[in-house]
Each structure stands twice: as structure tokens, then as C-alpha cells.
């Protein structure tokens, strides 16, 4: 679970950086990277939810 949280944090930082570049500087490539990161974050968050529910059942 700790590794998953580290992955989520790293992916969010990447998303945040790219999203800021897109909004502040109009960097289109950063927007593409931010969208890709958001999809990866979605998958990681679903995995977190699954693991969290399993841990709650124990």
C-alpha cells in the first residue's frame, strides 16, 4: 500500500507540473502529458480504492 501511495504522489506531481505549464504558458505538449497523467492517476486511484476496501474487510 505504501508503494501505491508513493506512485500516486509521484504521478500527481507530474500531472500538476504539466497542467500548470499548459494553463500558465499555453504549452500544448504539457497538456497532452497532463491528460495522460490523469488517466494513469485514475487507474492508481481505483487500485487504491480496491486495496483499501480489502484492508477494511480484514
C-alpha atoms as a PDB file:
ATOM      1  CA  UNK A   1       0.000   0.000   0.000  1.00  0.00           C
ATOM      2  CA  UNK A   2       2.894   2.338   0.774  1.00  0.00           C
ATOM      3  CA  UNK A   3       4.333   1.788  -2.713  1.00  0.00           C
ATOM      4  CA  UNK A   4       0.944   2.576  -4.222  1.00  0.00           C
ATOM      5  CA  UNK A   5       0.744   5.841  -2.284  1.00  0.00           C
ATOM      6  CA  UNK A   6       4.229   6.781  -3.482  1.00  0.00           C
ATOM      7  CA  UNK A   7       3.181   6.060  -7.080  1.00  0.00           C
ATOM      8  CA  UNK A   8       0.054   8.193  -6.679  1.00  0.00           C
ATOM      9  CA  UNK A   9       2.079  11.060  -5.221  1.00  0.00           C
ATOM     10  CA  UNK A  10       4.681  10.935  -7.999  1.00  0.00           C
ATOM     11  CA  UNK A  11       2.026  10.756 -10.708  1.00  0.00           C
ATOM     12  CA  UNK A  12       0.108  13.662  -9.174  1.00  0.00           C
ATOM     13  CA  UNK A  13       3.241  15.817  -9.058  1.00  0.00           C
ATOM     14  CA  UNK A  14       3.844  15.074 -12.725  1.00  0.00           C
ATOM     15  CA  UNK A  15       0.234  15.947 -13.535  1.00  0.00           C
ATOM     16  CA  UNK A  16       0.397  19.154 -11.521  1.00  0.00           C
ATOM     17  CA  UNK A  17       3.585  20.324 -13.246  1.00  0.00           C
ATOM     18  CA  UNK A  18       2.259  19.644 -16.731  1.00  0.00           C
ATOM     19  CA  UNK A  19      -1.180  21.112 -16.012  1.00  0.00           C
ATOM     20  CA  UNK A  20       0.429  24.322 -14.734  1.00  0.00           C
ATOM     21  CA  UNK A  21       2.600  24.564 -17.841  1.00  0.00           C
ATOM     22  CA  UNK A  22      -0.466  24.193 -20.021  1.00  0.00           C
ATOM     23  CA  UNK A  23      -2.592  26.732 -18.198  1.00  0.00           C
ATOM     24  CA  UNK A  24       0.081  29.330 -17.492  1.00  0.00           C
ATOM     25  CA  UNK A  25       2.200  29.137 -20.630  1.00  0.00           C
ATOM     26  CA  UNK A  26      -0.131  27.551 -23.155  1.00  0.00           C
ATOM     27  CA  UNK A  27       2.183  24.588 -23.678  1.00  0.00           C
ATOM     28  CA  UNK A  28       0.142  22.130 -25.763  1.00  0.00           C
ATOM     29  CA  UNK A  29       2.553  19.213 -25.266  1.00  0.00           C
ATOM     30  CA  UNK A  30       2.282  19.665 -21.492  1.00  0.00           C
ATOM     31  CA  UNK A  31      -1.493  19.457 -21.858  1.00  0.00           C
ATOM     32  CA  UNK A  32      -1.146  16.118 -23.601  1.00  0.00           C
ATOM     33  CA  UNK A  33       1.152  14.858 -20.841  1.00  0.00           C
ATOM     34  CA  UNK A  34      -1.270  16.121 -18.172  1.00  0.00           C
ATOM     35  CA  UNK A  35      -4.177  14.255 -19.771  1.00  0.00           C
ATOM     36  CA  UNK A  36      -2.085  11.089 -19.937  1.00  0.00           C
ATOM     37  CA  UNK A  37      -1.138  11.515 -16.277  1.00  0.00           C
ATOM     38  CA  UNK A  38      -4.782  11.980 -15.327  1.00  0.00           C
ATOM     39  CA  UNK A  39      -5.627   8.612 -16.891  1.00  0.00           C
ATOM     40  CA  UNK A  40      -2.773   6.953 -15.013  1.00  0.00           C
ATOM     41  CA  UNK A  41      -3.952   8.621 -11.796  1.00  0.00           C
ATOM     42  CA  UNK A  42      -7.447   7.288 -12.375  1.00  0.00           C
ATOM     43  CA  UNK A  43      -6.116   3.743 -12.601  1.00  0.00           C
ATOM     44  CA  UNK A  44      -3.969   4.180  -9.489  1.00  0.00           C
ATOM     45  CA  UNK A  45      -6.891   5.615  -7.525  1.00  0.00           C
ATOM     46  CA  UNK A  46      -9.100   2.674  -8.497  1.00  0.00           C
ATOM     47  CA  UNK A  47      -6.370   0.314  -7.325  1.00  0.00           C
ATOM     48  CA  UNK A  48      -6.103   2.254  -4.063  1.00  0.00           C
ATOM     49  CA  UNK A  49      -9.859   2.018  -3.532  1.00  0.00           C
ATOM     50  CA  UNK A  50      -9.775  -1.729  -4.168  1.00  0.00           C
ATOM     51  CA  UNK A  51      -6.881  -2.248  -1.729  1.00  0.00           C
ATOM     52  CA  UNK A  52      -8.486   0.000   0.854  1.00  0.00           C
ATOM     53  CA  UNK A  53     -11.738  -1.975   0.760  1.00  0.00           C
ATOM     54  CA  UNK A  54      -9.835  -5.252   1.098  1.00  0.00           C
ATOM     55  CA  UNK A  55      -7.946  -3.918   4.123  1.00  0.00           C
ATOM     56  CA  UNK A  56     -11.190  -2.716   5.718  1.00  0.00           C
ATOM     57  CA  UNK A  57     -12.671  -6.208   5.457  1.00  0.00           C
ATOM     58  CA  UNK A  58      -9.825  -7.748   7.461  1.00  0.00           C
END
